């Protein structure tokens, strides 16, 4: 498997995990008080928008050539990190410290702890 394919696969998995967690938390929010539920809905809307943006960037990477995909990795990493940080901040979930990253594209594991 190429480095590009590995990267795409890892990002898909990480974004899917975050989206699954968001869905699970949305289900639990139905039991919250009305005021908390409204705040929660607004924050979840922001998270969903970030998720859509990250998924769109991932689609760009999928459509890119083997030679050009690496130039898009930086933006993808920033989007993924912002989404992950927002998610964990919103729900005050400990992340166990900063995620370790390789300096090489294709080795992002920022959400592997999710």
N, C-alpha and C. Protein backbone atom coordinates (compact mmCIF):
# COMPACT_ATOMS: atom_id res chain seq x y z
N UNK A 1 0.85 -1.17 0.00
CA UNK A 1 0.00 0.00 0.00
C UNK A 1 0.90 1.24 0.00
N UNK A 2 0.55 2.20 -0.84
CA UNK A 2 1.37 3.41 -0.93
C UNK A 2 1.18 4.27 0.32
N UNK A 3 2.12 5.17 0.51
CA UNK A 3 2.07 6.08 1.66
C UNK A 3 0.79 6.92 1.60
N UNK A 4 0.42 7.34 0.41
CA UNK A 4 -0.80 8.13 0.21
C UNK A 4 -2.02 7.31 0.60
N UNK A 5 -2.11 6.09 0.14
CA UNK A 5 -3.25 5.23 0.46
C UNK A 5 -3.33 4.96 1.96
N UNK A 6 -2.18 4.75 2.59
CA UNK A 6 -2.16 4.53 4.04
C UNK A 6 -2.67 5.76 4.77
N UNK A 7 -2.22 6.93 4.33
CA UNK A 7 -2.64 8.19 4.96
C UNK A 7 -4.15 8.37 4.83
N UNK A 8 -4.67 8.17 3.64
CA UNK A 8 -6.11 8.32 3.40
C UNK A 8 -6.89 7.35 4.27
N UNK A 9 -6.43 6.12 4.35
CA UNK A 9 -7.11 5.11 5.16
C UNK A 9 -7.12 5.50 6.64
N UNK A 10 -5.97 5.96 7.15
CA UNK A 10 -5.90 6.38 8.56
C UNK A 10 -6.81 7.56 8.83
N UNK A 11 -6.80 8.55 7.94
CA UNK A 11 -7.64 9.73 8.16
C UNK A 11 -9.12 9.36 8.11
N UNK A 12 -9.50 8.50 7.16
CA UNK A 12 -10.90 8.06 7.09
C UNK A 12 -11.31 7.40 8.40
N UNK A 13 -10.47 6.52 8.91
CA UNK A 13 -10.76 5.83 10.16
C UNK A 13 -10.89 6.80 11.31
N UNK A 14 -9.95 7.74 11.42
CA UNK A 14 -9.97 8.69 12.52
C UNK A 14 -11.20 9.60 12.46
N UNK A 15 -11.56 10.07 11.26
CA UNK A 15 -12.73 10.92 11.13
C UNK A 15 -14.01 10.13 11.40
N UNK A 16 -14.06 8.88 10.96
CA UNK A 16 -15.22 8.04 11.25
C UNK A 16 -15.39 7.84 12.75
N UNK A 17 -14.30 7.60 13.46
CA UNK A 17 -14.36 7.42 14.91
C UNK A 17 -14.90 8.67 15.60
N UNK A 18 -14.40 9.83 15.21
CA UNK A 18 -14.89 11.07 15.81
C UNK A 18 -16.37 11.28 15.51
N UNK A 19 -16.78 11.00 14.28
CA UNK A 19 -18.19 11.15 13.93
C UNK A 19 -19.07 10.17 14.70
N UNK A 20 -18.59 8.95 14.91
CA UNK A 20 -19.34 7.98 15.71
C UNK A 20 -19.49 8.46 17.14
N UNK A 21 -18.42 9.00 17.71
CA UNK A 21 -18.49 9.52 19.08
C UNK A 21 -19.45 10.70 19.16
N UNK A 22 -19.43 11.57 18.15
CA UNK A 22 -20.35 12.70 18.14
C UNK A 22 -21.80 12.20 18.11
N UNK A 23 -22.08 11.20 17.29
CA UNK A 23 -23.43 10.65 17.20
C UNK A 23 -23.86 10.05 18.53
N UNK A 24 -22.94 9.34 19.17
CA UNK A 24 -23.24 8.74 20.46
C UNK A 24 -23.55 9.81 21.50
N UNK A 25 -22.75 10.87 21.51
CA UNK A 25 -22.97 11.95 22.47
C UNK A 25 -24.25 12.71 22.16
N UNK A 26 -24.59 12.83 20.89
CA UNK A 26 -25.85 13.49 20.53
C UNK A 26 -27.03 12.72 21.07
N UNK A 27 -26.96 11.41 21.03
CA UNK A 27 -28.03 10.58 21.58
C UNK A 27 -28.20 10.84 23.07
N UNK A 28 -27.09 10.94 23.78
CA UNK A 28 -27.14 11.19 25.22
C UNK A 28 -27.65 12.57 25.55
N UNK A 29 -27.48 13.51 24.65
CA UNK A 29 -27.91 14.89 24.91
C UNK A 29 -29.42 15.02 24.94
N UNK A 30 -30.11 14.08 24.36
CA UNK A 30 -31.57 14.14 24.35
C UNK A 30 -32.14 14.13 25.77
N UNK A 31 -31.36 13.61 26.71
CA UNK A 31 -31.81 13.52 28.09
C UNK A 31 -31.43 14.76 28.91
N UNK A 32 -30.68 15.67 28.32
CA UNK A 32 -30.21 16.85 29.04
C UNK A 32 -31.33 17.88 29.19
N UNK A 33 -31.14 18.81 30.11
CA UNK A 33 -32.10 19.89 30.29
C UNK A 33 -32.13 20.75 29.04
N UNK A 34 -33.23 21.46 28.84
CA UNK A 34 -33.43 22.25 27.62
C UNK A 34 -32.31 23.25 27.36
N UNK A 35 -31.89 24.02 28.35
CA UNK A 35 -30.84 25.02 28.16
C UNK A 35 -29.53 24.35 27.75
N UNK A 36 -29.19 23.30 28.44
CA UNK A 36 -27.96 22.57 28.11
C UNK A 36 -28.07 21.94 26.73
N UNK A 37 -29.26 21.46 26.41
CA UNK A 37 -29.48 20.82 25.12
C UNK A 37 -29.28 21.82 23.98
N UNK A 38 -29.74 23.07 24.16
CA UNK A 38 -29.58 24.09 23.12
C UNK A 38 -28.10 24.43 22.92
N UNK A 39 -27.38 24.63 24.01
CA UNK A 39 -25.94 24.91 23.92
C UNK A 39 -25.23 23.76 23.24
N UNK A 40 -25.59 22.57 23.63
CA UNK A 40 -25.00 21.36 23.06
C UNK A 40 -25.25 21.30 21.55
N UNK A 41 -26.48 21.58 21.12
CA UNK A 41 -26.81 21.55 19.70
C UNK A 41 -25.96 22.54 18.91
N UNK A 42 -25.78 23.74 19.47
CA UNK A 42 -24.97 24.75 18.79
C UNK A 42 -23.53 24.29 18.64
N UNK A 43 -22.97 23.76 19.71
CA UNK A 43 -21.58 23.29 19.67
C UNK A 43 -21.43 22.09 18.74
N UNK A 44 -22.40 21.20 18.76
CA UNK A 44 -22.35 20.05 17.86
C UNK A 44 -22.44 20.50 16.41
N UNK A 45 -23.21 21.53 16.15
CA UNK A 45 -23.30 22.08 14.79
C UNK A 45 -21.94 22.56 14.31
N UNK A 46 -21.21 23.23 15.21
CA UNK A 46 -19.87 23.69 14.87
C UNK A 46 -18.93 22.51 14.61
N UNK A 47 -19.04 21.49 15.45
CA UNK A 47 -18.19 20.30 15.25
C UNK A 47 -18.51 19.61 13.93
N UNK A 48 -19.80 19.48 13.64
CA UNK A 48 -20.21 18.84 12.37
C UNK A 48 -19.68 19.62 11.17
N UNK A 49 -19.70 20.95 11.25
CA UNK A 49 -19.18 21.78 10.16
C UNK A 49 -17.68 21.53 9.97
N UNK A 50 -16.93 21.46 11.08
CA UNK A 50 -15.50 21.17 10.99
C UNK A 50 -15.27 19.78 10.40
N UNK A 51 -16.11 18.84 10.79
CA UNK A 51 -15.99 17.48 10.27
C UNK A 51 -16.22 17.46 8.76
N UNK A 52 -17.23 18.17 8.30
CA UNK A 52 -17.52 18.23 6.86
C UNK A 52 -16.35 18.85 6.10
N UNK A 53 -15.76 19.89 6.67
CA UNK A 53 -14.61 20.53 6.03
C UNK A 53 -13.43 19.56 5.93
N UNK A 54 -13.19 18.83 7.01
CA UNK A 54 -12.10 17.84 7.01
C UNK A 54 -12.37 16.73 6.01
N UNK A 55 -13.61 16.27 5.94
CA UNK A 55 -13.96 15.23 4.96
C UNK A 55 -13.79 15.73 3.53
N UNK A 56 -14.14 16.99 3.29
CA UNK A 56 -13.96 17.57 1.95
C UNK A 56 -12.47 17.62 1.58
N UNK A 57 -11.63 18.00 2.54
CA UNK A 57 -10.18 18.04 2.29
C UNK A 57 -9.67 16.63 2.01
N UNK A 58 -10.17 15.65 2.74
CA UNK A 58 -9.77 14.27 2.50
C UNK A 58 -10.17 13.83 1.09
N UNK A 59 -11.32 14.26 0.64
CA UNK A 59 -11.75 13.94 -0.73
C UNK A 59 -10.80 14.57 -1.75
N UNK A 60 -10.32 15.78 -1.46
CA UNK A 60 -9.34 16.43 -2.33
C UNK A 60 -8.06 15.59 -2.40
N UNK A 61 -7.64 15.10 -1.24
CA UNK A 61 -6.43 14.27 -1.20
C UNK A 61 -6.64 13.00 -2.00
N UNK A 62 -7.82 12.39 -1.87
CA UNK A 62 -8.12 11.17 -2.62
C UNK A 62 -8.05 11.42 -4.13
N UNK A 63 -8.51 12.60 -4.54
CA UNK A 63 -8.56 12.92 -5.96
C UNK A 63 -7.21 13.41 -6.49
N UNK A 64 -6.27 13.66 -5.61
CA UNK A 64 -4.97 14.18 -6.03
C UNK A 64 -4.10 13.07 -6.63
N UNK A 65 -3.05 13.51 -7.25
CA UNK A 65 -2.11 12.55 -7.83
C UNK A 65 -1.10 12.10 -6.79
N UNK A 66 -0.41 11.04 -7.08
CA UNK A 66 0.63 10.53 -6.17
C UNK A 66 1.69 11.61 -5.91
N UNK A 67 1.93 12.45 -6.91
CA UNK A 67 2.97 13.47 -6.77
C UNK A 67 2.52 14.70 -5.98
N UNK A 68 1.23 14.98 -5.97
CA UNK A 68 0.78 16.23 -5.36
C UNK A 68 0.08 16.09 -4.01
N UNK A 69 -0.27 14.92 -3.59
CA UNK A 69 -1.06 14.77 -2.37
C UNK A 69 -0.34 15.25 -1.12
N UNK A 70 0.99 15.09 -1.09
CA UNK A 70 1.75 15.47 0.11
C UNK A 70 1.65 16.96 0.42
N UNK A 71 1.42 17.78 -0.61
CA UNK A 71 1.32 19.23 -0.36
C UNK A 71 0.03 19.57 0.39
N UNK A 72 -0.95 18.69 0.38
CA UNK A 72 -2.23 18.92 1.05
C UNK A 72 -2.26 18.41 2.49
N UNK A 73 -1.29 17.63 2.86
CA UNK A 73 -1.27 16.99 4.17
C UNK A 73 -1.26 18.01 5.32
N UNK A 74 -0.53 19.08 5.18
CA UNK A 74 -0.45 20.09 6.23
C UNK A 74 -1.83 20.66 6.57
N UNK A 75 -2.59 21.02 5.54
CA UNK A 75 -3.93 21.54 5.77
C UNK A 75 -4.83 20.47 6.40
N UNK A 76 -4.70 19.25 5.93
CA UNK A 76 -5.52 18.16 6.48
C UNK A 76 -5.20 17.95 7.95
N UNK A 77 -3.93 17.99 8.29
CA UNK A 77 -3.51 17.81 9.69
C UNK A 77 -4.07 18.92 10.57
N UNK A 78 -4.01 20.17 10.09
CA UNK A 78 -4.54 21.29 10.85
C UNK A 78 -6.04 21.14 11.08
N UNK A 79 -6.77 20.75 10.04
CA UNK A 79 -8.21 20.57 10.17
C UNK A 79 -8.53 19.44 11.14
N UNK A 80 -7.81 18.35 11.00
CA UNK A 80 -8.03 17.20 11.88
C UNK A 80 -7.72 17.56 13.33
N UNK A 81 -6.61 18.24 13.54
CA UNK A 81 -6.23 18.64 14.90
C UNK A 81 -7.26 19.59 15.51
N UNK A 82 -7.75 20.55 14.71
CA UNK A 82 -8.75 21.49 15.21
C UNK A 82 -10.04 20.77 15.57
N UNK A 83 -10.46 19.84 14.74
CA UNK A 83 -11.67 19.07 15.02
C UNK A 83 -11.50 18.23 16.27
N UNK A 84 -10.39 17.54 16.38
CA UNK A 84 -10.13 16.70 17.55
C UNK A 84 -10.07 17.54 18.82
N UNK A 85 -9.35 18.66 18.76
CA UNK A 85 -9.24 19.53 19.93
C UNK A 85 -10.61 20.08 20.33
N UNK A 86 -11.38 20.52 19.36
CA UNK A 86 -12.71 21.06 19.66
C UNK A 86 -13.60 19.98 20.29
N UNK A 87 -13.53 18.79 19.75
CA UNK A 87 -14.33 17.69 20.26
C UNK A 87 -13.99 17.40 21.72
N UNK A 88 -12.71 17.22 21.99
CA UNK A 88 -12.30 16.88 23.35
C UNK A 88 -12.51 18.05 24.31
N UNK A 89 -12.35 19.28 23.83
CA UNK A 89 -12.59 20.44 24.68
C UNK A 89 -14.06 20.58 25.04
N UNK A 90 -14.92 20.37 24.07
CA UNK A 90 -16.36 20.49 24.29
C UNK A 90 -16.84 19.53 25.36
N UNK A 91 -16.35 18.33 25.30
CA UNK A 91 -16.82 17.30 26.23
C UNK A 91 -15.86 17.06 27.38
N UNK A 92 -14.81 17.89 27.44
CA UNK A 92 -13.82 17.82 28.50
C UNK A 92 -13.36 16.39 28.75
N UNK A 93 -13.02 15.75 27.65
CA UNK A 93 -12.54 14.37 27.68
C UNK A 93 -11.02 14.42 27.70
N UNK A 94 -10.39 13.81 28.70
CA UNK A 94 -8.92 13.80 28.72
C UNK A 94 -8.37 13.02 27.53
N UNK A 95 -7.33 13.56 26.93
CA UNK A 95 -6.75 12.91 25.76
C UNK A 95 -5.51 12.11 26.11
N UNK A 96 -5.06 12.18 27.34
CA UNK A 96 -3.87 11.43 27.72
C UNK A 96 -2.59 12.09 27.25
N UNK A 97 -2.63 13.39 27.00
CA UNK A 97 -1.43 14.10 26.56
C UNK A 97 -1.49 14.41 25.09
N UNK A 98 -0.49 15.10 24.63
CA UNK A 98 -0.43 15.48 23.22
C UNK A 98 -0.20 14.25 22.36
N UNK A 99 -0.85 14.26 21.22
CA UNK A 99 -0.69 13.15 20.28
C UNK A 99 0.68 13.25 19.63
N UNK A 100 1.32 12.12 19.48
CA UNK A 100 2.62 12.10 18.83
C UNK A 100 2.42 12.01 17.34
N UNK A 101 3.25 12.71 16.61
CA UNK A 101 3.16 12.69 15.16
C UNK A 101 4.54 12.51 14.56
N UNK A 102 4.56 11.86 13.46
CA UNK A 102 5.79 11.75 12.69
C UNK A 102 5.89 12.98 11.80
N UNK A 103 7.06 13.38 11.47
CA UNK A 103 7.22 14.52 10.58
C UNK A 103 6.98 14.13 9.13
N UNK A 104 6.82 12.84 8.87
CA UNK A 104 6.59 12.37 7.52
C UNK A 104 5.10 12.28 7.25
N UNK A 105 4.65 12.72 6.06
CA UNK A 105 3.24 12.57 5.70
C UNK A 105 2.88 11.10 5.70
N UNK A 106 1.62 10.83 6.02
CA UNK A 106 1.16 9.45 6.00
C UNK A 106 1.30 8.77 7.33
N UNK A 107 1.75 9.47 8.35
CA UNK A 107 1.95 8.86 9.65
C UNK A 107 1.20 9.60 10.75
N UNK A 108 0.04 10.15 10.42
CA UNK A 108 -0.74 10.88 11.41
C UNK A 108 -1.50 9.90 12.28
N UNK A 109 -1.36 10.05 13.58
CA UNK A 109 -2.09 9.20 14.50
C UNK A 109 -2.76 10.03 15.58
N UNK A 110 -3.13 11.27 15.27
CA UNK A 110 -3.64 12.20 16.28
C UNK A 110 -4.91 11.68 16.94
N UNK A 111 -5.76 11.00 16.20
CA UNK A 111 -7.01 10.54 16.81
C UNK A 111 -6.99 9.05 17.10
N UNK A 112 -5.86 8.43 17.04
CA UNK A 112 -5.81 6.99 17.27
C UNK A 112 -6.16 6.67 18.72
N UNK A 113 -6.09 7.67 19.60
CA UNK A 113 -6.46 7.47 20.99
C UNK A 113 -7.95 7.61 21.19
N UNK A 114 -8.68 7.99 20.13
CA UNK A 114 -10.12 8.19 20.24
C UNK A 114 -10.86 6.91 20.12
